[in-house]
């Protein structure tokens, strides 16, 4: 007896939504945050070798493309997805971006200093909690109100 499993393919305008631009890394950021959008634009310019696809978390097909990332995670932190689906978030994603980008290694060494990762995680969580107040616009009313960050 042969069993069949239904397969659902997500498409947008006829294109497979689960496929990216063929770049080894995908960076997913909060597209409703003005600060995040400005930083994403700076990241696009810095990525001269075009190794990173940069997409807002609100783009169609993002959750279908990365089903292992809970939807709430996109509201909580920057997500970086690498080859094989390896995923970094928050300060760890920033550290990995520094390792990927041209001349980024000049700054990534700082994460090798003891306790810097812990401090960077706390600073990132503070920024993420307050990002709608920093450079905010009319979109502020649409921010997720139930985002909570707990130190673990």
N, C-alpha and C. Protein backbone atom coordinates (compact mmCIF):
# COMPACT_ATOMS: atom_id res chain seq x y z
N UNK A 1 0.84 -1.17 0.00
CA UNK A 1 0.00 0.00 0.00
C UNK A 1 0.89 1.24 0.00
N UNK A 2 0.63 2.13 -0.91
CA UNK A 2 1.41 3.36 -1.03
C UNK A 2 0.60 4.52 -0.47
N UNK A 3 1.22 5.30 0.40
CA UNK A 3 0.55 6.47 0.96
C UNK A 3 1.05 7.71 0.23
N UNK A 4 0.14 8.61 0.01
CA UNK A 4 0.53 9.88 -0.60
C UNK A 4 0.40 10.98 0.44
N UNK A 5 1.28 11.92 0.34
CA UNK A 5 1.28 13.05 1.26
C UNK A 5 1.04 14.30 0.45
N UNK A 6 -0.02 15.06 0.80
CA UNK A 6 -0.25 16.30 0.06
C UNK A 6 0.87 17.31 0.30
N UNK A 7 1.26 17.98 -0.74
CA UNK A 7 2.31 18.98 -0.65
C UNK A 7 1.71 20.33 -1.00
N UNK A 8 1.96 21.30 -0.15
CA UNK A 8 1.48 22.65 -0.40
C UNK A 8 2.66 23.50 -0.82
N UNK A 9 2.53 24.18 -1.96
CA UNK A 9 3.59 25.07 -2.42
C UNK A 9 3.05 26.48 -2.36
N UNK A 10 3.79 27.34 -1.69
CA UNK A 10 3.39 28.73 -1.57
C UNK A 10 3.97 29.50 -2.75
N UNK A 11 3.10 30.25 -3.43
CA UNK A 11 3.56 31.04 -4.56
C UNK A 11 3.07 32.48 -4.41
N UNK A 12 3.87 33.38 -4.94
CA UNK A 12 3.52 34.80 -4.98
C UNK A 12 3.74 35.24 -6.41
N UNK A 13 2.68 35.69 -7.05
CA UNK A 13 2.74 36.10 -8.46
C UNK A 13 3.38 35.01 -9.33
N UNK A 14 3.05 33.76 -9.04
CA UNK A 14 3.56 32.64 -9.83
C UNK A 14 4.94 32.17 -9.44
N UNK A 15 5.61 32.88 -8.54
CA UNK A 15 6.96 32.50 -8.11
C UNK A 15 6.88 31.69 -6.82
N UNK A 16 7.75 30.71 -6.67
CA UNK A 16 7.81 29.90 -5.46
C UNK A 16 8.24 30.78 -4.30
N UNK A 17 7.36 30.95 -3.31
CA UNK A 17 7.63 31.84 -2.18
C UNK A 17 8.67 31.27 -1.22
N UNK A 18 8.96 29.99 -1.30
CA UNK A 18 9.92 29.40 -0.37
C UNK A 18 11.35 29.53 -0.87
N UNK A 19 11.53 30.05 -2.07
CA UNK A 19 12.88 30.21 -2.63
C UNK A 19 13.31 31.67 -2.53
N UNK A 20 14.55 31.88 -2.25
CA UNK A 20 15.07 33.24 -2.15
C UNK A 20 15.78 33.63 -3.42
N UNK A 21 16.74 34.49 -3.28
CA UNK A 21 17.50 34.99 -4.42
C UNK A 21 18.73 34.13 -4.73
N UNK A 22 18.86 33.01 -4.02
CA UNK A 22 20.01 32.14 -4.24
C UNK A 22 21.25 32.58 -3.50
N UNK A 23 21.11 33.48 -2.55
CA UNK A 23 22.25 33.94 -1.75
C UNK A 23 22.40 33.03 -0.54
N UNK A 24 23.61 32.87 -0.02
CA UNK A 24 23.82 31.93 1.08
C UNK A 24 23.16 32.34 2.40
N UNK A 25 22.89 33.63 2.59
CA UNK A 25 22.31 34.09 3.84
C UNK A 25 21.05 34.92 3.57
N UNK A 26 20.11 34.84 4.51
CA UNK A 26 18.92 35.68 4.46
C UNK A 26 18.78 36.37 5.80
N UNK A 27 18.65 37.68 5.78
CA UNK A 27 18.48 38.48 6.98
C UNK A 27 17.03 38.97 6.99
N UNK A 28 16.29 38.64 8.06
CA UNK A 28 14.89 39.03 8.18
C UNK A 28 14.78 40.05 9.32
N UNK A 29 14.24 41.22 9.00
CA UNK A 29 14.14 42.32 9.96
C UNK A 29 12.71 42.81 10.05
N UNK A 30 12.43 43.66 11.02
CA UNK A 30 11.10 44.23 11.22
C UNK A 30 10.91 45.40 10.25
N UNK A 31 10.13 45.17 9.22
CA UNK A 31 9.92 46.19 8.20
C UNK A 31 9.03 47.34 8.63
N UNK A 32 8.37 47.22 9.79
CA UNK A 32 7.54 48.33 10.27
C UNK A 32 8.32 49.28 11.16
N UNK A 33 9.55 48.94 11.47
CA UNK A 33 10.41 49.77 12.32
C UNK A 33 11.30 50.63 11.43
N UNK A 34 11.19 51.95 11.59
CA UNK A 34 11.99 52.85 10.76
C UNK A 34 13.48 52.68 11.00
N UNK A 35 13.88 52.50 12.25
CA UNK A 35 15.31 52.31 12.56
C UNK A 35 15.81 51.03 11.91
N UNK A 36 15.03 49.96 12.04
CA UNK A 36 15.42 48.67 11.46
C UNK A 36 15.54 48.76 9.94
N UNK A 37 14.60 49.49 9.33
CA UNK A 37 14.62 49.66 7.88
C UNK A 37 15.85 50.44 7.43
N UNK A 38 16.20 51.49 8.17
CA UNK A 38 17.42 52.25 7.83
C UNK A 38 18.66 51.37 7.97
N UNK A 39 18.70 50.56 9.03
CA UNK A 39 19.85 49.67 9.22
C UNK A 39 19.89 48.60 8.13
N UNK A 40 18.73 48.11 7.70
CA UNK A 40 18.68 47.12 6.61
C UNK A 40 19.19 47.74 5.31
N UNK A 41 18.84 48.99 5.06
CA UNK A 41 19.34 49.67 3.86
C UNK A 41 20.86 49.86 3.91
N UNK A 42 21.39 50.18 5.09
CA UNK A 42 22.84 50.30 5.25
C UNK A 42 23.51 48.93 5.03
N UNK A 43 22.86 47.88 5.51
CA UNK A 43 23.39 46.53 5.33
C UNK A 43 23.43 46.16 3.85
N UNK A 44 22.41 46.54 3.09
CA UNK A 44 22.40 46.28 1.64
C UNK A 44 23.59 46.93 0.95
N UNK A 45 23.92 48.16 1.35
CA UNK A 45 25.05 48.86 0.75
C UNK A 45 26.38 48.24 1.16
N UNK A 46 26.46 47.79 2.39
CA UNK A 46 27.69 47.18 2.90
C UNK A 46 27.95 45.83 2.25
N UNK A 47 26.90 45.12 1.89
CA UNK A 47 27.01 43.79 1.31
C UNK A 47 27.33 43.88 -0.18
N UNK A 48 28.52 44.36 -0.50
CA UNK A 48 28.92 44.55 -1.90
C UNK A 48 29.02 43.23 -2.66
N UNK A 49 29.30 42.15 -1.96
CA UNK A 49 29.43 40.85 -2.62
C UNK A 49 28.09 40.14 -2.76
N UNK A 50 27.03 40.76 -2.30
CA UNK A 50 25.66 40.25 -2.38
C UNK A 50 25.54 38.81 -1.87
N UNK A 51 25.99 38.62 -0.65
CA UNK A 51 25.87 37.32 0.00
C UNK A 51 24.60 37.20 0.83
N UNK A 52 23.94 38.35 1.07
CA UNK A 52 22.80 38.36 1.98
C UNK A 52 21.55 38.86 1.28
N UNK A 53 20.49 38.09 1.37
CA UNK A 53 19.18 38.56 0.94
C UNK A 53 18.55 39.21 2.16
N UNK A 54 18.08 40.43 2.03
CA UNK A 54 17.55 41.18 3.16
C UNK A 54 16.06 41.41 2.92
N UNK A 55 15.22 40.85 3.80
CA UNK A 55 13.78 40.95 3.61
C UNK A 55 13.09 41.33 4.92
N UNK A 56 12.01 42.12 4.82
CA UNK A 56 11.24 42.42 6.02
C UNK A 56 10.44 41.19 6.45
N UNK A 57 10.22 41.07 7.74
CA UNK A 57 9.48 39.91 8.25
C UNK A 57 8.03 39.91 7.77
N UNK A 58 7.54 41.05 7.33
CA UNK A 58 6.16 41.15 6.85
C UNK A 58 6.02 40.74 5.38
N UNK A 59 7.11 40.44 4.70
CA UNK A 59 7.05 40.06 3.29
C UNK A 59 6.31 38.74 3.13
N UNK A 60 5.49 38.62 2.08
CA UNK A 60 4.77 37.36 1.86
C UNK A 60 5.74 36.19 1.69
N UNK A 61 5.42 35.08 2.31
CA UNK A 61 6.20 33.86 2.14
C UNK A 61 7.32 33.66 3.13
N UNK A 62 7.60 34.64 4.00
CA UNK A 62 8.72 34.50 4.94
C UNK A 62 8.50 33.34 5.89
N UNK A 63 7.31 33.25 6.48
CA UNK A 63 7.06 32.17 7.44
C UNK A 63 7.02 30.81 6.74
N UNK A 64 6.58 30.77 5.49
CA UNK A 64 6.57 29.51 4.75
C UNK A 64 8.00 29.09 4.40
N UNK A 65 8.84 30.04 4.15
CA UNK A 65 10.23 29.77 3.78
C UNK A 65 11.06 29.25 4.93
N UNK A 66 10.76 29.74 6.12
CA UNK A 66 11.52 29.36 7.32
C UNK A 66 10.55 28.84 8.39
N UNK A 67 9.94 27.68 8.16
CA UNK A 67 8.90 27.20 9.07
C UNK A 67 9.40 26.86 10.48
N UNK A 68 10.69 26.68 10.67
CA UNK A 68 11.22 26.36 11.99
C UNK A 68 11.34 27.59 12.89
N UNK A 69 11.21 28.78 12.32
CA UNK A 69 11.27 30.00 13.13
C UNK A 69 9.84 30.37 13.53
N UNK A 70 9.55 30.41 14.83
CA UNK A 70 8.20 30.79 15.24
C UNK A 70 7.88 32.23 14.82
N UNK A 71 6.66 32.51 14.38
CA UNK A 71 6.31 33.86 13.93
C UNK A 71 6.62 34.94 14.97
N UNK A 72 6.48 34.63 16.24
CA UNK A 72 6.76 35.60 17.30
C UNK A 72 8.24 36.02 17.32
N UNK A 73 9.12 35.13 16.89
CA UNK A 73 10.56 35.42 16.90
C UNK A 73 10.90 36.61 16.00
N UNK A 74 10.13 36.77 14.92
CA UNK A 74 10.38 37.89 14.01
C UNK A 74 10.10 39.23 14.68
N UNK A 75 9.14 39.26 15.60
CA UNK A 75 8.81 40.48 16.34
C UNK A 75 9.83 40.76 17.43
N UNK A 76 10.50 39.71 17.89
CA UNK A 76 11.42 39.85 19.01
C UNK A 76 12.85 40.21 18.60
N UNK A 77 13.30 39.71 17.43
CA UNK A 77 14.71 39.92 17.09
C UNK A 77 14.97 39.72 15.60
N UNK A 78 16.05 40.33 15.15
CA UNK A 78 16.58 40.12 13.81
C UNK A 78 16.90 38.63 13.65
N UNK A 79 16.58 38.06 12.50
CA UNK A 79 16.86 36.65 12.22
C UNK A 79 17.83 36.58 11.04
N UNK A 80 18.85 35.78 11.18
CA UNK A 80 19.79 35.53 10.09
C UNK A 80 19.81 34.04 9.83
N UNK A 81 19.49 33.66 8.61
CA UNK A 81 19.44 32.26 8.23
C UNK A 81 20.56 31.99 7.25
N UNK A 82 21.39 31.01 7.58
CA UNK A 82 22.55 30.70 6.75
C UNK A 82 22.40 29.39 6.02
N UNK A 83 23.48 28.94 5.40
CA UNK A 83 23.45 27.68 4.66
C UNK A 83 22.97 26.53 5.56
N UNK A 84 22.15 25.68 4.99
CA UNK A 84 21.63 24.54 5.73
C UNK A 84 20.56 24.91 6.75
N UNK A 85 20.12 26.16 6.75
CA UNK A 85 19.08 26.57 7.68
C UNK A 85 19.58 27.00 9.05
N UNK A 86 20.90 27.04 9.23
CA UNK A 86 21.42 27.50 10.52
C UNK A 86 20.92 28.91 10.77
N UNK A 87 20.43 29.15 12.00
CA UNK A 87 19.77 30.41 12.30
C UNK A 87 20.40 31.09 13.51
N UNK A 88 20.62 32.39 13.37
CA UNK A 88 21.11 33.23 14.47
C UNK A 88 20.06 34.31 14.68
N UNK A 89 19.95 34.80 15.91
CA UNK A 89 19.02 35.90 16.14
C UNK A 89 19.62 36.92 17.10
N UNK A 90 19.13 38.14 17.00
CA UNK A 90 19.57 39.21 17.88
C UNK A 90 21.05 39.53 17.75
N UNK A 91 21.72 39.65 18.89
CA UNK A 91 23.14 40.01 18.90
C UNK A 91 23.99 38.94 18.21
N UNK A 92 23.60 37.68 18.31
CA UNK A 92 24.34 36.60 17.63
C UNK A 92 24.26 36.78 16.11
N UNK A 93 23.11 37.26 15.61
CA UNK A 93 22.97 37.53 14.18
C UNK A 93 23.89 38.67 13.75
N UNK A 94 23.98 39.68 14.59
CA UNK A 94 24.87 40.81 14.27
C UNK A 94 26.32 40.35 14.25
N UNK A 95 26.70 39.53 15.20
CA UNK A 95 28.06 38.99 15.22
C UNK A 95 28.35 38.20 13.93
N UNK A 96 27.41 37.37 13.53
CA UNK A 96 27.62 36.58 12.31
C UNK A 96 27.65 37.48 11.07
N UNK A 97 26.81 38.51 11.04
CA UNK A 97 26.84 39.46 9.92
C UNK A 97 28.22 40.11 9.81
N UNK A 98 28.80 40.46 10.95
CA UNK A 98 30.14 41.05 10.93
C UNK A 98 31.17 40.08 10.36
N UNK A 99 30.99 38.80 10.63
CA UNK A 99 31.90 37.79 10.09
C UNK A 99 31.74 37.62 8.58
N UNK A 100 30.54 37.86 8.06
CA UNK A 100 30.23 37.66 6.65
C UNK A 100 30.64 38.85 5.79
N UNK A 101 30.40 40.05 6.30
CA UNK A 101 30.54 41.26 5.49
C UNK A 101 32.00 41.68 5.30
N UNK A 102 32.28 42.34 4.17
CA UNK A 102 33.64 42.82 3.92
C UNK A 102 34.08 43.76 5.04
N UNK A 103 35.26 43.53 5.55
CA UNK A 103 35.86 44.31 6.62
C UNK A 103 35.09 44.22 7.94
N UNK A 104 34.09 43.35 8.01
CA UNK A 104 33.33 43.18 9.25
C UNK A 104 34.13 42.49 10.32
N UNK A 105 35.08 41.65 9.90
CA UNK A 105 35.92 40.95 10.87
C UNK A 105 36.75 41.92 11.70
N UNK A 106 36.93 43.13 11.17
CA UNK A 106 37.65 44.15 11.94
C UNK A 106 36.91 44.49 13.23
N UNK A 107 35.60 44.30 13.23
CA UNK A 107 34.80 44.59 14.42
C UNK A 107 34.31 43.36 15.15
N UNK A 108 34.29 42.22 14.48
CA UNK A 108 33.72 41.02 15.10
C UNK A 108 34.59 40.45 16.22
N UNK A 109 35.85 40.83 16.26
CA UNK A 109 36.74 40.33 17.30
C UNK A 109 36.24 40.71 18.69
N UNK A 110 35.48 41.79 18.78
CA UNK A 110 35.03 42.25 20.09
C UNK A 110 34.18 41.20 20.80
N UNK A 111 33.48 40.37 20.02
CA UNK A 111 32.64 39.33 20.62
C UNK A 111 33.47 38.21 21.26
N UNK A 112 34.76 38.18 21.00
CA UNK A 112 35.64 37.17 21.60
C UNK A 112 36.04 37.53 23.03
N UNK A 113 35.85 38.79 23.41
CA UNK A 113 36.18 39.24 24.77
C UNK A 113 35.13 38.67 25.73
N UNK A 114 35.59 38.10 26.85
CA UNK A 114 34.63 37.54 27.82
C UNK A 114 33.56 38.56 28.22
N UNK A 115 32.35 38.10 28.33
CA UNK A 115 31.18 38.86 28.76
C UNK A 115 30.64 39.84 27.72
N UNK A 116 31.33 40.05 26.62
CA UNK A 116 30.82 40.99 25.60
C UNK A 116 29.54 40.45 24.99
N UNK A 117 29.47 39.15 24.72
CA UNK A 117 28.25 38.59 24.14
C UNK A 117 27.07 38.82 25.08
N UNK A 118 27.27 38.62 26.38
CA UNK A 118 26.20 38.84 27.35
C UNK A 118 25.74 40.29 27.35
N UNK A 119 26.69 41.21 27.34
CA UNK A 119 26.36 42.64 27.31
C UNK A 119 25.67 42.99 25.99
N UNK A 120 26.18 42.46 24.89
CA UNK A 120 25.57 42.72 23.57
C UNK A 120 24.14 42.19 23.53
N UNK A 121 23.89 41.02 24.10
CA UNK A 121 22.53 40.47 24.14
C UNK A 121 21.60 41.39 24.92
N UNK A 122 22.06 41.89 26.04
CA UNK A 122 21.22 42.80 26.85
C UNK A 122 20.95 44.11 26.11
N UNK A 123 21.97 44.66 25.47
CA UNK A 123 21.79 45.91 24.71
C UNK A 123 20.83 45.66 23.55
N UNK A 124 20.99 44.53 22.87
CA UNK A 124 20.10 44.22 21.75
C UNK A 124 18.65 44.09 22.23
N UNK A 125 18.44 43.39 23.33
CA UNK A 125 17.08 43.23 23.86
C UNK A 125 16.48 44.57 24.24
N UNK A 126 17.29 45.46 24.82
CA UNK A 126 16.79 46.79 25.16
C UNK A 126 16.39 47.53 23.88
N UNK A 127 17.26 47.48 22.87
CA UNK A 127 16.95 48.14 21.60
C UNK A 127 15.66 47.57 21.00
N UNK A 128 15.55 46.24 20.97
CA UNK A 128 14.37 45.61 20.38
C UNK A 128 13.09 46.03 21.11
N UNK A 129 13.16 46.11 22.42
CA UNK A 129 12.00 46.54 23.20
C UNK A 129 11.62 47.99 22.93
N UNK A 130 12.60 48.82 22.64
CA UNK A 130 12.38 50.26 22.50
C UNK A 130 12.46 50.77 21.07
N UNK A 131 12.61 49.89 20.10
CA UNK A 131 12.86 50.33 18.73
C UNK A 131 11.74 51.18 18.15
N UNK A 132 10.51 51.00 18.63
CA UNK A 132 9.42 51.80 18.08
C UNK A 132 9.44 53.23 18.62
N UNK A 133 10.17 53.45 19.69
CA UNK A 133 10.30 54.80 20.24
C UNK A 133 11.46 55.55 19.60
N UNK A 134 12.39 54.84 19.03
CA UNK A 134 13.58 55.43 18.43
C UNK A 134 13.31 55.68 16.94
N UNK A 135 13.22 56.91 16.54
CA UNK A 135 12.98 57.22 15.13
C UNK A 135 11.61 56.78 14.67
N UNK A 136 10.67 56.85 15.58
CA UNK A 136 9.33 56.32 15.35
C UNK A 136 8.49 57.24 14.47
N UNK A 137 7.49 56.65 13.84
CA UNK A 137 6.55 57.39 13.02
C UNK A 137 5.14 56.92 13.29
N UNK A 138 4.25 57.12 12.34
CA UNK A 138 2.85 56.78 12.56
C UNK A 138 2.61 55.28 12.68
N UNK A 139 3.56 54.46 12.25
CA UNK A 139 3.39 53.01 12.33
C UNK A 139 3.41 52.49 13.77
N UNK A 140 3.78 53.34 14.72
CA UNK A 140 3.95 52.90 16.12
C UNK A 140 2.70 52.22 16.67
N UNK A 141 1.54 52.65 16.26
CA UNK A 141 0.33 52.04 16.78
C UNK A 141 0.15 50.61 16.29
N UNK A 142 0.89 50.22 15.25
CA UNK A 142 0.73 48.87 14.72
C UNK A 142 1.74 47.88 15.31
N UNK A 143 2.58 48.35 16.23
CA UNK A 143 3.59 47.46 16.79
C UNK A 143 2.95 46.38 17.65
N UNK A 144 3.57 45.21 17.75
CA UNK A 144 3.03 44.15 18.60
C UNK A 144 3.16 44.56 20.08
N UNK A 145 2.04 44.68 20.74
CA UNK A 145 2.04 45.16 22.12
C UNK A 145 2.43 44.09 23.13
N UNK A 146 2.35 42.83 22.74
CA UNK A 146 2.59 41.76 23.71
C UNK A 146 4.01 41.21 23.67
N UNK A 147 4.95 41.93 23.07
CA UNK A 147 6.32 41.45 23.02
C UNK A 147 6.94 41.61 24.40
N UNK A 148 7.39 40.51 24.95
CA UNK A 148 8.03 40.53 26.25
C UNK A 148 9.42 39.91 26.11
N UNK A 149 10.38 40.50 26.79
CA UNK A 149 11.73 39.96 26.78
C UNK A 149 12.10 39.62 28.20
N UNK A 150 12.58 38.44 28.38
CA UNK A 150 13.02 38.01 29.71
C UNK A 150 14.45 37.58 29.62
N UNK A 151 15.23 37.99 30.57
CA UNK A 151 16.62 37.52 30.62
C UNK A 151 16.60 36.08 31.07
N UNK A 152 17.33 35.25 30.34
CA UNK A 152 17.35 33.84 30.70
C UNK A 152 18.63 33.47 31.38
